[in-house]
C-alpha atoms as a PDB file:
ATOM      1  CA  UNK A   1      10.895  -8.569 -15.640  1.00  0.00           C
ATOM      2  CA  UNK A   2      12.908 -11.743 -16.123  1.00  0.00           C
ATOM      3  CA  UNK A   3      11.675 -15.036 -14.714  1.00  0.00           C
ATOM      4  CA  UNK A   4      14.398 -15.168 -12.060  1.00  0.00           C
ATOM      5  CA  UNK A   5      13.471 -11.782 -10.532  1.00  0.00           C
ATOM      6  CA  UNK A   6       9.769 -12.566 -10.769  1.00  0.00           C
ATOM      7  CA  UNK A   7       9.959 -15.870  -8.906  1.00  0.00           C
ATOM      8  CA  UNK A   8      12.436 -14.518  -6.355  1.00  0.00           C
ATOM      9  CA  UNK A   9      10.117 -11.592  -5.588  1.00  0.00           C
ATOM     10  CA  UNK A  10       7.182 -14.017  -5.435  1.00  0.00           C
ATOM     11  CA  UNK A  11       9.038 -16.099  -2.840  1.00  0.00           C
ATOM     12  CA  UNK A  12       9.615 -12.954  -0.769  1.00  0.00           C
ATOM     13  CA  UNK A  13       5.975 -11.924  -1.124  1.00  0.00           C
ATOM     14  CA  UNK A  14       4.743 -15.368  -0.107  1.00  0.00           C
ATOM     15  CA  UNK A  15       7.060 -15.702   2.892  1.00  0.00           C
ATOM     16  CA  UNK A  16       6.345 -12.198   4.179  1.00  0.00           C
ATOM     17  CA  UNK A  17       2.577 -12.544   3.857  1.00  0.00           C
ATOM     18  CA  UNK A  18       2.524 -16.005   5.455  1.00  0.00           C
ATOM     19  CA  UNK A  19       4.376 -14.714   8.507  1.00  0.00           C
ATOM     20  CA  UNK A  20       3.244 -11.110   8.893  1.00  0.00           C
ATOM     21  CA  UNK A  21       0.185 -10.535   6.716  1.00  0.00           C
ATOM     22  CA  UNK A  22      -0.663  -6.908   5.983  1.00  0.00           C
ATOM     23  CA  UNK A  23       0.537  -4.772   8.933  1.00  0.00           C
ATOM     24  CA  UNK A  24      -2.312  -3.177  10.876  1.00  0.00           C
ATOM     25  CA  UNK A  25      -0.334   0.009  11.478  1.00  0.00           C
ATOM     26  CA  UNK A  26       0.103   0.387   7.730  1.00  0.00           C
ATOM     27  CA  UNK A  27      -3.597  -0.194   7.106  1.00  0.00           C
ATOM     28  CA  UNK A  28      -4.456   2.462   9.702  1.00  0.00           C
ATOM     29  CA  UNK A  29      -2.242   4.987   7.923  1.00  0.00           C
ATOM     30  CA  UNK A  30      -2.764   4.386   4.229  1.00  0.00           C
ATOM     31  CA  UNK A  31      -5.450   1.714   3.913  1.00  0.00           C
ATOM     32  CA  UNK A  32      -4.949  -1.321   1.680  1.00  0.00           C
ATOM     33  CA  UNK A  33      -4.538  -1.672  -2.104  1.00  0.00           C
ATOM     34  CA  UNK A  34      -7.863  -3.510  -2.271  1.00  0.00           C
ATOM     35  CA  UNK A  35      -9.622  -0.612  -0.517  1.00  0.00           C
ATOM     36  CA  UNK A  36      -8.078   1.753  -3.084  1.00  0.00           C
ATOM     37  CA  UNK A  37      -9.352  -0.491  -5.852  1.00  0.00           C
ATOM     38  CA  UNK A  38     -12.769  -0.606  -4.218  1.00  0.00           C
ATOM     39  CA  UNK A  39     -12.881   3.194  -4.050  1.00  0.00           C
ATOM     40  CA  UNK A  40     -12.179   3.429  -7.789  1.00  0.00           C
ATOM     41  CA  UNK A  41     -14.792   0.782  -8.604  1.00  0.00           C
ATOM     42  CA  UNK A  42     -17.381   2.541  -6.458  1.00  0.00           C
ATOM     43  CA  UNK A  43     -16.618   5.889  -8.109  1.00  0.00           C
ATOM     44  CA  UNK A  44     -17.022   4.420 -11.605  1.00  0.00           C
ATOM     45  CA  UNK A  45     -20.247   2.701 -10.530  1.00  0.00           C
ATOM     46  CA  UNK A  46     -21.709   6.003  -9.344  1.00  0.00           C
ATOM     47  CA  UNK A  47     -20.520   7.906 -12.419  1.00  0.00           C
ATOM     48  CA  UNK A  48     -21.477   5.453 -15.183  1.00  0.00           C
ATOM     49  CA  UNK A  49     -24.278   3.221 -13.896  1.00  0.00           C
ATOM     50  CA  UNK A  50     -27.691   4.935 -14.061  1.00  0.00           C
ATOM     51  CA  UNK A  51     -31.002   3.215 -13.351  1.00  0.00           C
ATOM     52  CA  UNK A  52     -32.818   5.135 -16.103  1.00  0.00           C
ATOM     53  CA  UNK A  53     -30.486   3.822 -18.829  1.00  0.00           C
ATOM     54  CA  UNK A  54     -31.409   0.840 -21.002  1.00  0.00           C
ATOM     55  CA  UNK A  55     -29.821  -2.524 -20.077  1.00  0.00           C
ATOM     56  CA  UNK A  56     -27.700  -2.449 -23.234  1.00  0.00           C
ATOM     57  CA  UNK A  57     -26.374   0.993 -22.316  1.00  0.00           C
ATOM     58  CA  UNK A  58     -25.583  -0.137 -18.794  1.00  0.00           C
ATOM     59  CA  UNK A  59     -23.805  -3.246 -20.102  1.00  0.00           C
ATOM     60  CA  UNK A  60     -21.744  -1.039 -22.403  1.00  0.00           C
ATOM     61  CA  UNK A  61     -20.868   1.224 -19.496  1.00  0.00           C
ATOM     62  CA  UNK A  62     -19.822  -1.858 -17.541  1.00  0.00           C
ATOM     63  CA  UNK A  63     -17.551  -2.984 -20.368  1.00  0.00           C
ATOM     64  CA  UNK A  64     -15.930   0.458 -20.403  1.00  0.00           C
ATOM     65  CA  UNK A  65     -15.574   0.322 -16.617  1.00  0.00           C
ATOM     66  CA  UNK A  66     -13.915  -3.079 -16.775  1.00  0.00           C
ATOM     67  CA  UNK A  67     -11.529  -1.837 -19.459  1.00  0.00           C
ATOM     68  CA  UNK A  68     -10.600   1.181 -17.327  1.00  0.00           C
ATOM     69  CA  UNK A  69      -9.948  -1.070 -14.325  1.00  0.00           C
ATOM     70  CA  UNK A  70      -7.687  -3.379 -16.335  1.00  0.00           C
ATOM     71  CA  UNK A  71      -5.799  -0.394 -17.770  1.00  0.00           C
ATOM     72  CA  UNK A  72      -5.316   1.342 -14.414  1.00  0.00           C
ATOM     73  CA  UNK A  73      -4.189  -1.834 -12.625  1.00  0.00           C
ATOM     74  CA  UNK A  74      -1.996  -3.055 -15.474  1.00  0.00           C
ATOM     75  CA  UNK A  75      -0.233   0.241 -16.117  1.00  0.00           C
ATOM     76  CA  UNK A  76       0.040   1.014 -12.416  1.00  0.00           C
ATOM     77  CA  UNK A  77       1.496  -2.411 -11.685  1.00  0.00           C
ATOM     78  CA  UNK A  78       3.971  -2.090 -14.553  1.00  0.00           C
ATOM     79  CA  UNK A  79       5.172   1.371 -13.443  1.00  0.00           C
ATOM     80  CA  UNK A  80       5.656   0.277  -9.821  1.00  0.00           C
ATOM     81  CA  UNK A  81       7.421  -2.889 -10.964  1.00  0.00           C
ATOM     82  CA  UNK A  82       9.835  -0.955 -13.176  1.00  0.00           C
ATOM     83  CA  UNK A  83      10.555   1.542 -10.382  1.00  0.00           C
ATOM     84  CA  UNK A  84      11.344  -1.267  -7.973  1.00  0.00           C
ATOM     85  CA  UNK A  85      13.570  -3.124 -10.407  1.00  0.00           C
ATOM     86  CA  UNK A  86      15.534   0.050 -11.129  1.00  0.00           C
ATOM     87  CA  UNK A  87      16.873  -0.237  -7.570  1.00  0.00           C
ATOM     88  CA  UNK A  88      19.654  -2.505  -6.380  1.00  0.00           C
ATOM     89  CA  UNK A  89      17.987  -5.674  -5.059  1.00  0.00           C
ATOM     90  CA  UNK A  90      14.702  -4.198  -6.244  1.00  0.00           C
ATOM     91  CA  UNK A  91      13.061  -7.616  -6.125  1.00  0.00           C
ATOM     92  CA  UNK A  92      12.876  -7.180  -2.333  1.00  0.00           C
ATOM     93  CA  UNK A  93      10.589  -4.075  -2.248  1.00  0.00           C
ATOM     94  CA  UNK A  94       8.716  -5.556  -5.210  1.00  0.00           C
ATOM     95  CA  UNK A  95       8.028  -8.716  -3.224  1.00  0.00           C
ATOM     96  CA  UNK A  96       6.903  -6.717  -0.192  1.00  0.00           C
ATOM     97  CA  UNK A  97       4.472  -4.732  -2.352  1.00  0.00           C
ATOM     98  CA  UNK A  98       3.148  -7.885  -4.019  1.00  0.00           C
ATOM     99  CA  UNK A  99       2.571  -9.476  -0.599  1.00  0.00           C
ATOM    100  CA  UNK A 100      -0.277  -7.012  -0.015  1.00  0.00           C
ATOM    101  CA  UNK A 101      -2.249  -8.694  -2.805  1.00  0.00           C
ATOM    102  CA  UNK A 102      -2.000 -12.201  -1.315  1.00  0.00           C
ATOM    103  CA  UNK A 103      -4.248 -13.096   1.618  1.00  0.00           C
ATOM    104  CA  UNK A 104      -3.078 -16.414   3.065  1.00  0.00           C
ATOM    105  CA  UNK A 105      -2.579 -15.250   6.662  1.00  0.00           C
ATOM    106  CA  UNK A 106      -5.601 -12.973   6.872  1.00  0.00           C
ATOM    107  CA  UNK A 107      -7.869 -15.659   5.421  1.00  0.00           C
ATOM    108  CA  UNK A 108      -6.797 -18.205   8.002  1.00  0.00           C
ATOM    109  CA  UNK A 109      -7.101 -15.642  10.788  1.00  0.00           C
ATOM    110  CA  UNK A 110     -10.655 -14.634   9.794  1.00  0.00           C
ATOM    111  CA  UNK A 111     -11.857 -18.236   9.613  1.00  0.00           C
ATOM    112  CA  UNK A 112     -10.127 -18.997  12.916  1.00  0.00           C
ATOM    113  CA  UNK A 113     -12.125 -16.102  14.409  1.00  0.00           C
ATOM    114  CA  UNK A 114     -15.366 -17.884  13.489  1.00  0.00           C
ATOM    115  CA  UNK A 115     -14.341 -21.063  15.317  1.00  0.00           C
ATOM    116  CA  UNK A 116     -13.215 -19.007  18.291  1.00  0.00           C
ATOM    117  CA  UNK A 117     -16.413 -16.951  18.234  1.00  0.00           C
ATOM    118  CA  UNK A 118     -18.545 -20.088  18.385  1.00  0.00           C
ATOM    119  CA  UNK A 119     -16.467 -21.639  21.163  1.00  0.00           C
ATOM    120  CA  UNK A 120     -16.436 -18.511  23.304  1.00  0.00           C
ATOM    121  CA  UNK A 121     -19.575 -16.587  22.357  1.00  0.00           C
ATOM    122  CA  UNK A 122     -21.881 -19.316  21.095  1.00  0.00           C
ATOM    123  CA  UNK A 123     -24.096 -18.770  18.069  1.00  0.00           C
ATOM    124  CA  UNK A 124     -24.095 -14.964  18.443  1.00  0.00           C
ATOM    125  CA  UNK A 125     -20.290 -14.922  18.486  1.00  0.00           C
ATOM    126  CA  UNK A 126     -20.109 -17.182  15.453  1.00  0.00           C
ATOM    127  CA  UNK A 127     -22.615 -15.101  13.504  1.00  0.00           C
ATOM    128  CA  UNK A 128     -20.714 -11.904  14.243  1.00  0.00           C
ATOM    129  CA  UNK A 129     -17.410 -13.406  13.098  1.00  0.00           C
ATOM    130  CA  UNK A 130     -18.782 -15.064   9.972  1.00  0.00           C
ATOM    131  CA  UNK A 131     -20.463 -11.822   8.877  1.00  0.00           C
ATOM    132  CA  UNK A 132     -16.952 -10.468   8.257  1.00  0.00           C
ATOM    133  CA  UNK A 133     -16.191 -13.027   5.537  1.00  0.00           C
ATOM    134  CA  UNK A 134     -19.473 -13.980   3.828  1.00  0.00           C
ATOM    135  CA  UNK A 135     -22.181 -12.029   2.038  1.00  0.00           C
ATOM    136  CA  UNK A 136     -25.120 -14.047   3.276  1.00  0.00           C
ATOM    137  CA  UNK A 137     -27.395 -12.878   6.098  1.00  0.00           C
ATOM    138  CA  UNK A 138     -25.848 -14.300   9.324  1.00  0.00           C
ATOM    139  CA  UNK A 139     -29.149 -14.033  11.202  1.00  0.00           C
ATOM    140  CA  UNK A 140     -30.570 -16.789   8.985  1.00  0.00           C
ATOM    141  CA  UNK A 141     -27.780 -19.208   9.966  1.00  0.00           C
ATOM    142  CA  UNK A 142     -27.924 -21.762  12.750  1.00  0.00           C
ATOM    143  CA  UNK A 143     -24.660 -23.085  14.208  1.00  0.00           C
ATOM    144  CA  UNK A 144     -24.069 -25.709  11.490  1.00  0.00           C
ATOM    145  CA  UNK A 145     -24.915 -23.037   8.898  1.00  0.00           C
ATOM    146  CA  UNK A 146     -22.316 -20.685  10.380  1.00  0.00           C
ATOM    147  CA  UNK A 147     -19.726 -23.459  10.291  1.00  0.00           C
ATOM    148  CA  UNK A 148     -20.496 -24.457   6.723  1.00  0.00           C
ATOM    149  CA  UNK A 149     -20.374 -20.800   5.622  1.00  0.00           C
ATOM    150  CA  UNK A 150     -16.926 -20.393   7.193  1.00  0.00           C
ATOM    151  CA  UNK A 151     -15.600 -23.571   5.565  1.00  0.00           C
ATOM    152  CA  UNK A 152     -17.052 -22.631   2.164  1.00  0.00           C
ATOM    153  CA  UNK A 153     -15.467 -19.190   2.441  1.00  0.00           C
ATOM    154  CA  UNK A 154     -12.127 -20.755   3.375  1.00  0.00           C
ATOM    155  CA  UNK A 155     -12.218 -23.040   0.325  1.00  0.00           C
ATOM    156  CA  UNK A 156     -13.386 -20.425  -2.177  1.00  0.00           C
ATOM    157  CA  UNK A 157     -11.109 -17.676  -0.911  1.00  0.00           C
ATOM    158  CA  UNK A 158      -8.138 -20.017  -0.898  1.00  0.00           C
ATOM    159  CA  UNK A 159      -8.616 -19.961  -4.656  1.00  0.00           C
ATOM    160  CA  UNK A 160      -9.513 -16.266  -5.053  1.00  0.00           C
ATOM    161  CA  UNK A 161      -7.215 -14.803  -2.397  1.00  0.00           C
ATOM    162  CA  UNK A 162      -4.214 -17.116  -2.463  1.00  0.00           C
ATOM    163  CA  UNK A 163      -3.792 -19.491  -5.407  1.00  0.00           C
ATOM    164  CA  UNK A 164      -5.035 -17.139  -8.132  1.00  0.00           C
ATOM    165  CA  UNK A 165      -2.879 -14.152  -7.070  1.00  0.00           C
ATOM    166  CA  UNK A 166       0.189 -16.394  -6.860  1.00  0.00           C
ATOM    167  CA  UNK A 167      -0.631 -17.907 -10.259  1.00  0.00           C
ATOM    168  CA  UNK A 168      -1.040 -14.575 -12.038  1.00  0.00           C
ATOM    169  CA  UNK A 169       2.023 -13.075 -10.381  1.00  0.00           C
ATOM    170  CA  UNK A 170       4.115 -16.069 -11.428  1.00  0.00           C
ATOM    171  CA  UNK A 171       2.999 -15.541 -15.036  1.00  0.00           C
ATOM    172  CA  UNK A 172       2.945 -11.753 -15.395  1.00  0.00           C
ATOM    173  CA  UNK A 173       4.453 -10.168 -12.291  1.00  0.00           C
ATOM    174  CA  UNK A 174       2.930  -7.165 -10.545  1.00  0.00           C
ATOM    175  CA  UNK A 175       0.735  -6.123 -13.515  1.00  0.00           C
ATOM    176  CA  UNK A 176      -0.748  -9.636 -13.602  1.00  0.00           C
ATOM    177  CA  UNK A 177      -1.601  -9.828  -9.911  1.00  0.00           C
ATOM    178  CA  UNK A 178      -2.888  -6.224  -9.878  1.00  0.00           C
ATOM    179  CA  UNK A 179      -5.235  -6.821 -12.826  1.00  0.00           C
ATOM    180  CA  UNK A 180      -6.483 -10.049 -11.268  1.00  0.00           C
ATOM    181  CA  UNK A 181      -7.098  -8.419  -7.892  1.00  0.00           C
ATOM    182  CA  UNK A 182      -8.979  -5.399  -9.244  1.00  0.00           C
ATOM    183  CA  UNK A 183     -11.251  -7.598 -11.378  1.00  0.00           C
ATOM    184  CA  UNK A 184     -11.874  -9.979  -8.487  1.00  0.00           C
ATOM    185  CA  UNK A 185     -12.745  -6.984  -6.297  1.00  0.00           C
ATOM    186  CA  UNK A 186     -15.034  -5.618  -9.004  1.00  0.00           C
ATOM    187  CA  UNK A 187     -16.802  -8.965  -9.226  1.00  0.00           C
ATOM    188  CA  UNK A 188     -17.470  -8.895  -5.473  1.00  0.00           C
ATOM    189  CA  UNK A 189     -18.810  -5.322  -5.680  1.00  0.00           C
ATOM    190  CA  UNK A 190     -20.691  -5.087  -8.981  1.00  0.00           C
ATOM    191  CA  UNK A 191     -20.797  -8.645 -10.287  1.00  0.00           C
ATOM    192  CA  UNK A 192     -24.069  -9.632  -8.593  1.00  0.00           C
ATOM    193  CA  UNK A 193     -27.295 -10.367 -10.435  1.00  0.00           C
ATOM    194  CA  UNK A 194     -29.214  -7.522  -8.862  1.00  0.00           C
ATOM    195  CA  UNK A 195     -31.353  -4.914 -10.682  1.00  0.00           C
ATOM    196  CA  UNK A 196     -28.540  -2.377 -10.320  1.00  0.00           C
ATOM    197  CA  UNK A 197     -25.621  -4.559 -11.360  1.00  0.00           C
ATOM    198  CA  UNK A 198     -26.849  -7.409 -13.562  1.00  0.00           C
ATOM    199  CA  UNK A 199     -26.101  -5.483 -16.766  1.00  0.00           C
ATOM    200  CA  UNK A 200     -23.408  -3.090 -15.513  1.00  0.00           C
ATOM    201  CA  UNK A 201     -21.401  -5.792 -13.764  1.00  0.00           C
ATOM    202  CA  UNK A 202     -21.679  -8.373 -16.541  1.00  0.00           C
ATOM    203  CA  UNK A 203     -18.226  -7.745 -18.033  1.00  0.00           C
ATOM    204  CA  UNK A 204     -16.422  -7.750 -14.683  1.00  0.00           C
ATOM    205  CA  UNK A 205     -18.174 -10.962 -13.618  1.00  0.00           C
ATOM    206  CA  UNK A 206     -17.360 -12.759 -16.888  1.00  0.00           C
ATOM    207  CA  UNK A 207     -13.726 -11.645 -16.849  1.00  0.00           C
ATOM    208  CA  UNK A 208     -13.411 -12.776 -13.235  1.00  0.00           C
ATOM    209  CA  UNK A 209     -14.785 -16.190 -14.250  1.00  0.00           C
ATOM    210  CA  UNK A 210     -12.162 -16.489 -16.990  1.00  0.00           C
ATOM    211  CA  UNK A 211      -9.304 -15.371 -14.749  1.00  0.00           C
ATOM    212  CA  UNK A 212     -10.240 -17.987 -12.149  1.00  0.00           C
ATOM    213  CA  UNK A 213     -10.746 -20.957 -14.478  1.00  0.00           C
ATOM    214  CA  UNK A 214      -7.253 -22.396 -14.060  1.00  0.00           C
ATOM    215  CA  UNK A 215      -6.584 -21.280 -10.438  1.00  0.00           C
ATOM    216  CA  UNK A 216      -9.855 -22.803  -9.161  1.00  0.00           C
ATOM    217  CA  UNK A 217      -8.966 -26.171 -10.629  1.00  0.00           C
ATOM    218  CA  UNK A 218      -5.419 -25.954  -9.299  1.00  0.00           C
ATOM    219  CA  UNK A 219      -6.872 -25.163  -5.873  1.00  0.00           C
ATOM    220  CA  UNK A 220      -8.987 -28.316  -5.952  1.00  0.00           C
ATOM    221  CA  UNK A 221      -5.854 -30.327  -6.751  1.00  0.00           C
ATOM    222  CA  UNK A 222      -3.864 -28.679  -3.949  1.00  0.00           C
ATOM    223  CA  UNK A 223      -6.647 -29.298  -1.405  1.00  0.00           C
ATOM    224  CA  UNK A 224      -6.899 -32.917  -2.540  1.00  0.00           C
ATOM    225  CA  UNK A 225      -3.114 -33.303  -2.287  1.00  0.00           C
ATOM    226  CA  UNK A 226      -3.229 -31.831   1.220  1.00  0.00           C
ATOM    227  CA  UNK A 227      -5.925 -34.355   2.101  1.00  0.00           C
ATOM    228  CA  UNK A 228      -3.753 -37.218   0.839  1.00  0.00           C
ATOM    229  CA  UNK A 229      -0.714 -35.997   2.784  1.00  0.00           C
ATOM    230  CA  UNK A 230      -2.652 -35.461   6.016  1.00  0.00           C
ATOM    231  CA  UNK A 231      -4.582 -38.737   5.622  1.00  0.00           C
ATOM    232  CA  UNK A 232      -7.916 -36.924   5.295  1.00  0.00           C
ATOM    233  CA  UNK A 233      -9.804 -38.671   2.501  1.00  0.00           C
ATOM    234  CA  UNK A 234      -7.828 -37.542  -0.522  1.00  0.00           C
ATOM    235  CA  UNK A 235      -9.638 -39.955  -2.831  1.00  0.00           C
ATOM    236  CA  UNK A 236     -12.994 -38.744  -1.521  1.00  0.00           C
ATOM    237  CA  UNK A 237     -11.937 -35.144  -2.219  1.00  0.00           C
ATOM    238  CA  UNK A 238     -11.163 -35.970  -5.844  1.00  0.00           C
ATOM    239  CA  UNK A 239     -14.383 -37.987  -6.174  1.00  0.00           C
ATOM    240  CA  UNK A 240     -16.430 -35.049  -4.865  1.00  0.00           C
ATOM    241  CA  UNK A 241     -14.731 -32.724  -7.353  1.00  0.00           C
ATOM    242  CA  UNK A 242     -15.518 -35.024 -10.271  1.00  0.00           C
ATOM    243  CA  UNK A 243     -19.100 -35.541  -9.153  1.00  0.00           C
ATOM    244  CA  UNK A 244     -20.152 -32.126  -7.847  1.00  0.00           C
ATOM    245  CA  UNK A 245     -17.901 -29.270  -9.003  1.00  0.00           C
ATOM    246  CA  UNK A 246     -19.706 -28.801 -12.297  1.00  0.00           C
ATOM    247  CA  UNK A 247     -23.100 -28.563 -10.580  1.00  0.00           C
ATOM    248  CA  UNK A 248     -22.261 -25.323  -8.770  1.00  0.00           C
ATOM    249  CA  UNK A 249     -23.888 -22.129 -10.104  1.00  0.00           C
ATOM    250  CA  UNK A 250     -20.374 -20.656 -10.334  1.00  0.00           C
ATOM    251  CA  UNK A 251     -18.046 -22.144 -12.952  1.00  0.00           C
ATOM    252  CA  UNK A 252     -15.194 -21.975 -10.449  1.00  0.00           C
ATOM    253  CA  UNK A 253     -16.328 -21.929  -6.809  1.00  0.00           C
ATOM    254  CA  UNK A 254     -17.525 -25.530  -6.912  1.00  0.00           C
ATOM    255  CA  UNK A 255     -14.013 -26.895  -7.461  1.00  0.00           C
ATOM    256  CA  UNK A 256     -12.381 -25.888  -4.152  1.00  0.00           C
ATOM    257  CA  UNK A 257     -15.663 -26.266  -2.229  1.00  0.00           C
ATOM    258  CA  UNK A 258     -16.231 -29.807  -3.512  1.00  0.00           C
ATOM    259  CA  UNK A 259     -12.641 -30.772  -2.714  1.00  0.00           C
ATOM    260  CA  UNK A 260     -12.966 -29.401   0.818  1.00  0.00           C
ATOM    261  CA  UNK A 261     -16.337 -31.101   1.331  1.00  0.00           C
ATOM    262  CA  UNK A 262     -15.056 -34.478   0.169  1.00  0.00           C
ATOM    263  CA  UNK A 263     -11.896 -34.227   2.268  1.00  0.00           C
ATOM    264  CA  UNK A 264     -13.883 -33.435   5.432  1.00  0.00           C
ATOM    265  CA  UNK A 265     -16.879 -35.714   4.724  1.00  0.00           C
ATOM    266  CA  UNK A 266     -19.247 -32.734   4.786  1.00  0.00           C
ATOM    267  CA  UNK A 267     -22.050 -31.380   2.619  1.00  0.00           C
ATOM    268  CA  UNK A 268     -21.398 -27.765   1.657  1.00  0.00           C
ATOM    269  CA  UNK A 269     -23.096 -25.111  -0.498  1.00  0.00           C
ATOM    270  CA  UNK A 270     -26.756 -25.886  -1.309  1.00  0.00           C
ATOM    271  CA  UNK A 271     -29.559 -23.295  -0.964  1.00  0.00           C
ATOM    272  CA  UNK A 272     -28.375 -20.133   0.825  1.00  0.00           C
ATOM    273  CA  UNK A 273     -29.768 -16.696   1.639  1.00  0.00           C
ATOM    274  CA  UNK A 274     -27.850 -13.585   0.521  1.00  0.00           C
ATOM    275  CA  UNK A 275     -29.444 -10.476   1.982  1.00  0.00           C
ATOM    276  CA  UNK A 276     -33.099 -11.358   1.543  1.00  0.00           C
ATOM    277  CA  UNK A 277     -32.660 -13.473  -1.595  1.00  0.00           C
ATOM    278  CA  UNK A 278     -32.715 -17.271  -1.568  1.00  0.00           C
ATOM    279  CA  UNK A 279     -30.069 -18.647  -3.927  1.00  0.00           C
ATOM    280  CA  UNK A 280     -30.683 -22.207  -5.054  1.00  0.00           C
ATOM    281  CA  UNK A 281     -27.492 -24.163  -5.532  1.00  0.00           C
ATOM    282  CA  UNK A 282     -26.390 -27.782  -5.653  1.00  0.00           C
ATOM    283  CA  UNK A 283     -24.693 -29.434  -2.692  1.00  0.00           C
ATOM    284  CA  UNK A 284     -20.969 -30.052  -2.771  1.00  0.00           C
ATOM    285  CA  UNK A 285     -20.082 -33.351  -1.123  1.00  0.00           C
ATOM    286  CA  UNK A 286     -22.408 -36.024   0.202  1.00  0.00           C
ATOM    287  CA  UNK A 287     -21.371 -36.096   3.866  1.00  0.00           C
ATOM    288  CA  UNK A 288     -23.065 -34.699   6.930  1.00  0.00           C
ATOM    289  CA  UNK A 289     -24.475 -31.177   7.101  1.00  0.00           C
ATOM    290  CA  UNK A 290     -24.287 -30.725  10.877  1.00  0.00           C
ATOM    291  CA  UNK A 291     -20.850 -29.101  10.930  1.00  0.00           C
ATOM    292  CA  UNK A 292     -19.410 -27.712  14.150  1.00  0.00           C
ATOM    293  CA  UNK A 293     -16.505 -25.555  15.308  1.00  0.00           C
ATOM    294  CA  UNK A 294     -14.287 -28.657  15.337  1.00  0.00           C
ATOM    295  CA  UNK A 295     -14.942 -29.038  11.604  1.00  0.00           C
ATOM    296  CA  UNK A 296     -13.801 -25.452  11.000  1.00  0.00           C
ATOM    297  CA  UNK A 297     -10.560 -26.337  12.745  1.00  0.00           C
ATOM    298  CA  UNK A 298     -10.206 -29.495  10.644  1.00  0.00           C
ATOM    299  CA  UNK A 299     -10.704 -27.349   7.543  1.00  0.00           C
ATOM    300  CA  UNK A 300      -8.037 -24.945   8.810  1.00  0.00           C
ATOM    301  CA  UNK A 301      -5.614 -27.837   9.322  1.00  0.00           C
ATOM    302  CA  UNK A 302      -6.224 -28.868   5.722  1.00  0.00           C
ATOM    303  CA  UNK A 303      -5.808 -25.276   4.545  1.00  0.00           C
ATOM    304  CA  UNK A 304      -2.502 -24.926   6.368  1.00  0.00           C
ATOM    305  CA  UNK A 305      -1.246 -28.144   4.786  1.00  0.00           C
ATOM    306  CA  UNK A 306      -2.296 -26.803   1.380  1.00  0.00           C
ATOM    307  CA  UNK A 307      -0.289 -23.638   2.101  1.00  0.00           C
ATOM    308  CA  UNK A 308       2.702 -25.815   3.008  1.00  0.00           C
ATOM    309  CA  UNK A 309       2.382 -27.477  -0.394  1.00  0.00           C
ATOM    310  CA  UNK A 310       2.351 -24.076  -2.109  1.00  0.00           C
ATOM    311  CA  UNK A 311       5.358 -23.035  -0.040  1.00  0.00           C
ATOM    312  CA  UNK A 312       7.217 -26.142  -1.179  1.00  0.00           C
ATOM    313  CA  UNK A 313       6.383 -25.501  -4.837  1.00  0.00           C
ATOM    314  CA  UNK A 314       7.472 -21.858  -4.656  1.00  0.00           C
ATOM    315  CA  UNK A 315      10.578 -22.784  -2.677  1.00  0.00           C
ATOM    316  CA  UNK A 316      11.675 -25.551  -5.049  1.00  0.00           C
ATOM    317  CA  UNK A 317      11.122 -23.317  -8.065  1.00  0.00           C
ATOM    318  CA  UNK A 318      13.121 -20.527  -6.422  1.00  0.00           C
ATOM    319  CA  UNK A 319      16.045 -22.788  -5.519  1.00  0.00           C
ATOM    320  CA  UNK A 320      16.045 -24.275  -9.023  1.00  0.00           C
ATOM    321  CA  UNK A 321      16.235 -20.834 -10.622  1.00  0.00           C
ATOM    322  CA  UNK A 322      18.984 -19.740  -8.229  1.00  0.00           C
ATOM    323  CA  UNK A 323      20.913 -22.874  -9.111  1.00  0.00           C
ATOM    324  CA  UNK A 324      20.469 -22.231 -12.839  1.00  0.00           C
ATOM    325  CA  UNK A 325      21.400 -18.566 -12.407  1.00  0.00           C
ATOM    326  CA  UNK A 326      24.701 -19.194 -10.609  1.00  0.00           C
ATOM    327  CA  UNK A 327      25.873 -22.591 -11.803  1.00  0.00           C
END
């Protein structure tokens, strides 16, 4: 696919997802591409990951699994892309398909639900809403913990669910975004350091780290730029990134979380409980820890400004390419 068609279809994907998200009626009928990916990952996990095997064997099986996932997503994305581009104005259906792999609207909606849950249903309402977007045990969270979890999820998933898909689509089209999304989904399913998945999920987790290296750092810059534009401590966001991002147990998650923490004068991350396991982690930011629903809404305002910045970048690039195409 030429650069012009790729960026034009990206602009369509971005605009459609920002306004409409993934239609609920469509999800009810055919599910979602990520659920299809999850079904394949789960099937491979059951077929190739056996507790009685040696760790080296399980790691090898995980490498094979990761290779299969890359092949299926890459070839599938390429075939669908070629079919779309064989049509007149095929960049339009291609953009609509690609929109399903970007999550800007759904991410904002889910985090908004946490703020609303706290305001309407108190702590129980907040815990119920936040359980939809984080892996940690919501029953261990007090109200500030619920709020911090929602803000951390907003920052990290802005990178994983928005910036990274856009980045890989801009570079490699539908095969690029499909490969990224299936590996990111695999990391969330089998990339945990548990007895079952520490060896088997090693390859998927490492590849996900590599695929997010550049997008995570771009996300920190976009959040910091949004903080500057909205007069929300842009310098503090950059300072928090420089000071804290590298301390996070993840090589990537600390970048957007530190930027968000600095911009909002909060302290995010730190020790957290996932399931029944306490995960020790460094704090991002040096502000207050007693976050409330109002802080979730401040984070959402910052997120929306960051999305405006991405919209401007995509829009300017699209108009430039149109100008070059028809001058």
